[in-house]
Amino acid sequence: MIIDRDQNITIITQEKASVTSLVSKIEEGYAEYENYHLIVKLSSLDEISLEDIIEFLRLSNNHRGSKKSFVIVSEKVDLDSVPDEIVVVPTMQEAYDIIEMEDIERDLGF
């Protein structure tokens, strides 16, 4: 897992571990990320199933509940099958756009 920071955003890039172990590592070190918007980049994985995405659901709900964005980046996911409670986009630019839009919504009180 590679961790980068870009202003108020933490970008976690998946290397070779399974999605389940990645979620566990993020949860273990969550105190380090809780005050930042999170982008989880899964581009290095060959295949990503809907079950893999759902592994992030609890983490996403907790993070979004504390008024921070949580976005998964993967071009290998069928976006139509992803539950509405979790945000998955195919590119990093779209992840940044989602965070910007959600910041505006929070500022407006939505």
N, C-alpha and C. Protein backbone atom coordinates (compact mmCIF):
# COMPACT_ATOMS: atom_id res chain seq x y z
N MET A 1 0.85 -1.17 0.00
CA MET A 1 0.00 0.00 0.00
C MET A 1 0.90 1.23 0.00
N ILE A 2 0.67 2.11 -0.96
CA ILE A 2 1.43 3.34 -1.08
C ILE A 2 0.52 4.49 -0.67
N ILE A 3 1.02 5.37 0.19
CA ILE A 3 0.21 6.48 0.70
C ILE A 3 0.83 7.79 0.25
N ASP A 4 0.02 8.62 -0.40
CA ASP A 4 0.44 9.96 -0.82
C ASP A 4 -0.55 10.96 -0.28
N ARG A 5 -0.08 12.18 -0.09
CA ARG A 5 -0.97 13.26 0.35
C ARG A 5 -0.94 14.38 -0.68
N ASP A 6 -2.10 14.94 -0.94
CA ASP A 6 -2.26 16.07 -1.85
C ASP A 6 -3.21 17.05 -1.15
N GLN A 7 -2.65 18.01 -0.44
CA GLN A 7 -3.40 18.97 0.36
C GLN A 7 -4.24 18.24 1.39
N ASN A 8 -5.58 18.27 1.25
CA ASN A 8 -6.45 17.64 2.24
C ASN A 8 -6.96 16.27 1.79
N ILE A 9 -6.21 15.65 0.86
CA ILE A 9 -6.61 14.36 0.31
C ILE A 9 -5.49 13.34 0.54
N THR A 10 -5.86 12.17 1.01
CA THR A 10 -4.93 11.06 1.12
C THR A 10 -5.26 10.07 0.01
N ILE A 11 -4.22 9.69 -0.74
CA ILE A 11 -4.39 8.74 -1.84
C ILE A 11 -3.70 7.45 -1.44
N ILE A 12 -4.48 6.38 -1.38
CA ILE A 12 -3.96 5.06 -1.02
C ILE A 12 -3.97 4.23 -2.29
N THR A 13 -2.78 3.79 -2.70
CA THR A 13 -2.67 3.00 -3.93
C THR A 13 -2.42 1.54 -3.56
N GLN A 14 -3.25 0.68 -4.09
CA GLN A 14 -3.14 -0.75 -3.87
C GLN A 14 -1.95 -1.29 -4.64
N GLU A 15 -1.12 -2.06 -3.99
CA GLU A 15 0.01 -2.67 -4.69
C GLU A 15 -0.34 -4.10 -5.09
N LYS A 16 -0.07 -5.05 -4.20
CA LYS A 16 -0.29 -6.46 -4.57
C LYS A 16 -1.18 -7.21 -3.61
N ALA A 17 -1.47 -6.66 -2.48
CA ALA A 17 -2.28 -7.36 -1.48
C ALA A 17 -3.72 -7.50 -1.97
N SER A 18 -4.45 -8.38 -1.33
CA SER A 18 -5.86 -8.55 -1.68
C SER A 18 -6.66 -7.35 -1.17
N VAL A 19 -7.85 -7.21 -1.69
CA VAL A 19 -8.72 -6.11 -1.28
C VAL A 19 -9.04 -6.23 0.21
N THR A 20 -9.29 -7.44 0.67
CA THR A 20 -9.62 -7.67 2.07
C THR A 20 -8.47 -7.21 2.98
N SER A 21 -7.24 -7.54 2.62
CA SER A 21 -6.11 -7.12 3.45
C SER A 21 -5.89 -5.61 3.35
N LEU A 22 -6.17 -5.02 2.19
CA LEU A 22 -6.06 -3.56 2.06
C LEU A 22 -7.06 -2.86 2.97
N VAL A 23 -8.29 -3.33 2.98
CA VAL A 23 -9.31 -2.74 3.85
C VAL A 23 -8.87 -2.87 5.31
N SER A 24 -8.34 -4.01 5.69
CA SER A 24 -7.88 -4.22 7.07
C SER A 24 -6.76 -3.24 7.42
N LYS A 25 -5.81 -3.05 6.51
CA LYS A 25 -4.70 -2.12 6.77
C LYS A 25 -5.20 -0.69 6.91
N ILE A 26 -6.16 -0.30 6.07
CA ILE A 26 -6.71 1.06 6.16
C ILE A 26 -7.43 1.23 7.49
N GLU A 27 -8.22 0.23 7.89
CA GLU A 27 -8.95 0.32 9.16
C GLU A 27 -7.99 0.37 10.34
N GLU A 28 -6.90 -0.40 10.29
CA GLU A 28 -5.92 -0.40 11.39
C GLU A 28 -5.27 0.97 11.55
N GLY A 29 -4.95 1.62 10.45
CA GLY A 29 -4.29 2.93 10.50
C GLY A 29 -5.23 4.08 10.28
N TYR A 30 -6.52 3.86 10.54
CA TYR A 30 -7.53 4.86 10.20
C TYR A 30 -7.31 6.21 10.86
N ALA A 31 -6.78 6.23 12.05
CA ALA A 31 -6.55 7.51 12.75
C ALA A 31 -5.66 8.43 11.93
N GLU A 32 -4.81 7.86 11.11
CA GLU A 32 -3.90 8.64 10.27
C GLU A 32 -4.64 9.30 9.09
N TYR A 33 -5.78 8.73 8.69
CA TYR A 33 -6.50 9.21 7.51
C TYR A 33 -7.82 9.91 7.81
N GLU A 34 -8.31 9.81 9.02
CA GLU A 34 -9.68 10.24 9.30
C GLU A 34 -9.96 11.72 9.04
N ASN A 35 -8.95 12.57 9.05
CA ASN A 35 -9.18 14.00 8.83
C ASN A 35 -8.96 14.42 7.38
N TYR A 36 -8.80 13.46 6.50
CA TYR A 36 -8.54 13.72 5.08
C TYR A 36 -9.62 13.06 4.22
N HIS A 37 -9.85 13.61 3.05
CA HIS A 37 -10.65 12.90 2.06
C HIS A 37 -9.80 11.72 1.60
N LEU A 38 -10.43 10.60 1.29
CA LEU A 38 -9.69 9.40 0.89
C LEU A 38 -10.00 9.00 -0.55
N ILE A 39 -8.93 8.73 -1.28
CA ILE A 39 -9.04 8.12 -2.60
C ILE A 39 -8.29 6.79 -2.52
N VAL A 40 -8.98 5.72 -2.84
CA VAL A 40 -8.36 4.39 -2.87
C VAL A 40 -8.23 3.99 -4.33
N LYS A 41 -7.01 3.88 -4.77
CA LYS A 41 -6.72 3.60 -6.18
C LYS A 41 -6.42 2.11 -6.35
N LEU A 42 -7.28 1.42 -7.10
CA LEU A 42 -7.16 -0.02 -7.28
C LEU A 42 -6.71 -0.38 -8.69
N SER A 43 -6.05 0.51 -9.37
CA SER A 43 -5.68 0.31 -10.77
C SER A 43 -4.72 -0.85 -11.00
N SER A 44 -3.95 -1.23 -10.00
CA SER A 44 -2.96 -2.29 -10.21
C SER A 44 -3.56 -3.70 -10.19
N LEU A 45 -4.82 -3.82 -9.77
CA LEU A 45 -5.44 -5.14 -9.72
C LEU A 45 -5.95 -5.54 -11.10
N ASP A 46 -5.78 -6.82 -11.43
CA ASP A 46 -6.24 -7.31 -12.73
C ASP A 46 -7.75 -7.42 -12.80
N GLU A 47 -8.35 -7.92 -11.72
CA GLU A 47 -9.79 -8.08 -11.68
C GLU A 47 -10.32 -7.53 -10.37
N ILE A 48 -11.48 -6.90 -10.46
CA ILE A 48 -12.14 -6.40 -9.25
C ILE A 48 -13.60 -6.79 -9.34
N SER A 49 -14.07 -7.51 -8.36
CA SER A 49 -15.47 -7.95 -8.35
C SER A 49 -16.31 -6.99 -7.53
N LEU A 50 -17.61 -7.13 -7.67
CA LEU A 50 -18.53 -6.33 -6.87
C LEU A 50 -18.31 -6.63 -5.38
N GLU A 51 -18.00 -7.87 -5.05
CA GLU A 51 -17.73 -8.23 -3.65
C GLU A 51 -16.51 -7.49 -3.12
N ASP A 52 -15.50 -7.30 -3.98
CA ASP A 52 -14.32 -6.53 -3.56
C ASP A 52 -14.70 -5.10 -3.22
N ILE A 53 -15.53 -4.49 -4.03
CA ILE A 53 -15.97 -3.11 -3.79
C ILE A 53 -16.79 -3.04 -2.51
N ILE A 54 -17.64 -4.02 -2.30
CA ILE A 54 -18.49 -4.03 -1.10
C ILE A 54 -17.66 -4.16 0.18
N GLU A 55 -16.45 -4.73 0.09
CA GLU A 55 -15.54 -4.79 1.24
C GLU A 55 -15.28 -3.39 1.81
N PHE A 56 -15.33 -2.37 0.96
CA PHE A 56 -15.06 -1.00 1.38
C PHE A 56 -16.29 -0.29 1.94
N LEU A 57 -17.45 -0.90 1.87
CA LEU A 57 -18.71 -0.21 2.21
C LEU A 57 -18.73 0.34 3.63
N ARG A 58 -18.39 -0.46 4.62
CA ARG A 58 -18.41 0.01 6.01
C ARG A 58 -17.43 1.17 6.21
N LEU A 59 -16.23 1.02 5.67
CA LEU A 59 -15.22 2.06 5.76
C LEU A 59 -15.71 3.34 5.09
N SER A 60 -16.30 3.20 3.91
CA SER A 60 -16.82 4.35 3.17
C SER A 60 -17.93 5.05 3.96
N ASN A 61 -18.88 4.27 4.48
CA ASN A 61 -19.99 4.86 5.24
C ASN A 61 -19.50 5.60 6.48
N ASN A 62 -18.54 5.02 7.19
CA ASN A 62 -17.99 5.68 8.39
C ASN A 62 -17.29 6.99 8.01
N HIS A 63 -16.50 6.93 6.95
CA HIS A 63 -15.73 8.10 6.55
C HIS A 63 -16.65 9.22 6.05
N ARG A 64 -17.61 8.86 5.24
CA ARG A 64 -18.56 9.85 4.71
C ARG A 64 -19.44 10.40 5.83
N GLY A 65 -19.70 9.58 6.84
CA GLY A 65 -20.50 10.04 7.98
C GLY A 65 -19.79 11.12 8.78
N SER A 66 -18.47 11.18 8.68
CA SER A 66 -17.72 12.23 9.38
C SER A 66 -17.39 13.39 8.44
N LYS A 67 -18.21 13.54 7.39
CA LYS A 67 -18.14 14.69 6.46
C LYS A 67 -16.85 14.73 5.65
N LYS A 68 -16.33 13.57 5.30
CA LYS A 68 -15.16 13.46 4.43
C LYS A 68 -15.52 12.56 3.25
N SER A 69 -14.94 12.83 2.11
CA SER A 69 -15.22 12.04 0.90
C SER A 69 -14.40 10.75 0.90
N PHE A 70 -14.98 9.72 0.30
CA PHE A 70 -14.32 8.42 0.13
C PHE A 70 -14.62 7.98 -1.29
N VAL A 71 -13.56 7.86 -2.12
CA VAL A 71 -13.74 7.53 -3.53
C VAL A 71 -12.79 6.39 -3.90
N ILE A 72 -13.31 5.42 -4.63
CA ILE A 72 -12.50 4.32 -5.15
C ILE A 72 -12.28 4.58 -6.63
N VAL A 73 -11.03 4.41 -7.07
CA VAL A 73 -10.70 4.59 -8.49
C VAL A 73 -10.35 3.23 -9.09
N SER A 74 -11.15 2.84 -10.08
CA SER A 74 -10.87 1.61 -10.82
C SER A 74 -11.64 1.64 -12.13
N GLU A 75 -10.95 1.34 -13.18
CA GLU A 75 -11.60 1.27 -14.49
C GLU A 75 -12.08 -0.15 -14.79
N LYS A 76 -11.90 -1.07 -13.84
CA LYS A 76 -12.23 -2.47 -14.06
C LYS A 76 -13.50 -2.91 -13.35
N VAL A 77 -14.33 -1.96 -12.96
CA VAL A 77 -15.55 -2.26 -12.23
C VAL A 77 -16.75 -1.88 -13.09
N ASP A 78 -17.77 -2.73 -13.06
CA ASP A 78 -19.02 -2.39 -13.73
C ASP A 78 -19.74 -1.36 -12.85
N LEU A 79 -19.66 -0.10 -13.25
CA LEU A 79 -20.18 0.99 -12.43
C LEU A 79 -21.69 0.90 -12.22
N ASP A 80 -22.40 0.26 -13.13
CA ASP A 80 -23.85 0.12 -12.99
C ASP A 80 -24.24 -0.84 -11.87
N SER A 81 -23.33 -1.74 -11.49
CA SER A 81 -23.66 -2.72 -10.46
C SER A 81 -23.24 -2.27 -9.06
N VAL A 82 -22.54 -1.15 -8.96
CA VAL A 82 -22.04 -0.68 -7.67
C VAL A 82 -23.18 -0.02 -6.88
N PRO A 83 -23.32 -0.34 -5.59
CA PRO A 83 -24.36 0.30 -4.78
C PRO A 83 -24.16 1.81 -4.71
N ASP A 84 -25.26 2.54 -4.57
CA ASP A 84 -25.20 4.01 -4.52
C ASP A 84 -24.46 4.53 -3.30
N GLU A 85 -24.33 3.72 -2.26
CA GLU A 85 -23.68 4.16 -1.02
C GLU A 85 -22.18 4.30 -1.15
N ILE A 86 -21.60 3.82 -2.24
CA ILE A 86 -20.16 3.88 -2.39
C ILE A 86 -19.84 4.52 -3.74
N VAL A 87 -18.81 5.36 -3.77
CA VAL A 87 -18.46 6.09 -4.98
C VAL A 87 -17.27 5.42 -5.65
N VAL A 88 -17.48 4.99 -6.89
CA VAL A 88 -16.42 4.38 -7.70
C VAL A 88 -16.36 5.14 -9.02
N VAL A 89 -15.17 5.56 -9.39
CA VAL A 89 -14.97 6.28 -10.65
C VAL A 89 -13.80 5.64 -11.40
N PRO A 90 -13.74 5.83 -12.73
CA PRO A 90 -12.67 5.18 -13.50
C PRO A 90 -11.34 5.93 -13.53
N THR A 91 -11.31 7.23 -13.19
CA THR A 91 -10.06 7.99 -13.29
C THR A 91 -9.80 8.83 -12.05
N MET A 92 -8.53 9.18 -11.86
CA MET A 92 -8.16 10.04 -10.73
C MET A 92 -8.79 11.42 -10.88
N GLN A 93 -8.86 11.95 -12.08
CA GLN A 93 -9.45 13.28 -12.28
C GLN A 93 -10.90 13.28 -11.82
N GLU A 94 -11.63 12.22 -12.12
CA GLU A 94 -13.02 12.13 -11.67
C GLU A 94 -13.10 12.03 -10.15
N ALA A 95 -12.14 11.38 -9.53
CA ALA A 95 -12.11 11.30 -8.06
C ALA A 95 -11.95 12.70 -7.47
N TYR A 96 -11.02 13.48 -8.03
CA TYR A 96 -10.83 14.85 -7.56
C TYR A 96 -12.10 15.68 -7.79
N ASP A 97 -12.76 15.48 -8.92
CA ASP A 97 -13.99 16.21 -9.22
C ASP A 97 -15.09 15.87 -8.22
N ILE A 98 -15.23 14.60 -7.88
CA ILE A 98 -16.23 14.16 -6.90
C ILE A 98 -15.97 14.83 -5.55
N ILE A 99 -14.71 14.84 -5.12
CA ILE A 99 -14.37 15.45 -3.83
C ILE A 99 -14.70 16.94 -3.85
N GLU A 100 -14.38 17.60 -4.94
CA GLU A 100 -14.69 19.03 -5.05
C GLU A 100 -16.19 19.27 -5.00
N MET A 101 -16.97 18.46 -5.72
CA MET A 101 -18.42 18.61 -5.70
C MET A 101 -18.99 18.33 -4.31
N GLU A 102 -18.50 17.30 -3.64
CA GLU A 102 -19.00 16.99 -2.30
C GLU A 102 -18.62 18.07 -1.30
N ASP A 103 -17.45 18.69 -1.46
CA ASP A 103 -17.07 19.83 -0.61
C ASP A 103 -18.04 20.98 -0.79
N ILE A 104 -18.40 21.26 -2.02
CA ILE A 104 -19.37 22.34 -2.30
C ILE A 104 -20.71 22.01 -1.66
N GLU A 105 -21.16 20.76 -1.81
CA GLU A 105 -22.44 20.35 -1.20
C GLU A 105 -22.38 20.51 0.31
N ARG A 106 -21.27 20.13 0.94
CA ARG A 106 -21.16 20.28 2.40
C ARG A 106 -21.18 21.75 2.80
N ASP A 107 -20.49 22.59 2.01
CA ASP A 107 -20.49 24.03 2.30
C ASP A 107 -21.89 24.62 2.20
N LEU A 108 -22.71 24.08 1.29
CA LEU A 108 -24.07 24.57 1.11
C LEU A 108 -25.05 23.94 2.09
N GLY A 109 -24.58 22.98 2.87
CA GLY A 109 -25.42 22.37 3.91
C GLY A 109 -26.19 21.15 3.47
N PHE A 110 -25.83 20.51 2.39
CA PHE A 110 -26.51 19.30 1.93
C PHE A 110 -25.96 18.07 2.60
